[in-house]
């Protein structure tokens, strides 16, 4: 299933509210503030679902995103998300740690606990979304793995970045019979990257 959200489809005055709806529909319930006037805000989300794995590409101007205790209390969502920086810089803050991401880096965060995503400039990321139970079943002490930068220039991190870039480029050509196996392969490489 492919979804596309773009602020270019709405009036300038409605862009931020449209964006918040798009982010909440694609991921989890969040608060989002723009760092410039609402009319200057722009963003696009291209989202795909591969079995239990969500893969999206976010391209946007500067913003500050928060998953607050209030949003968590009213939700049943339980996901791990992985932000893979492709352009610009971003910061993921969770569990008393901050991961500063440059292109090629990635980090994990957990939707069941508060977090912040800070982008002080235009950026682009691929975002993986996995059911919480899946990753908790494969890794111990996931709370120690959140908001820790994994460099994509070597080892399992490098494999992960290459796999996600190839998958994003070819997602429209995947055969239905291979989707579950591909999602499982991505999960395996992610686990290897986080363990390293």
Foldseek 3Di string as FASTA:
>chain_A
DKDKDWLVVDQQQCSVVSVQVVVCVQANRKDKDAPDDSSPWIKMKIWDDQPQKIKIKIWIFWMKIKLDPVRLVPDPAWKKKKKAWQDAWKWKDDPNAIAIDHHQKMFIDISNGMMMMGGNGTTMIMMMIGGNVVVCVVDPPVVVRGNYIQGCPDDLSVVLVVLSVVCVVCVVPDDSVCRVVSVVVNVVSVVVRSVD
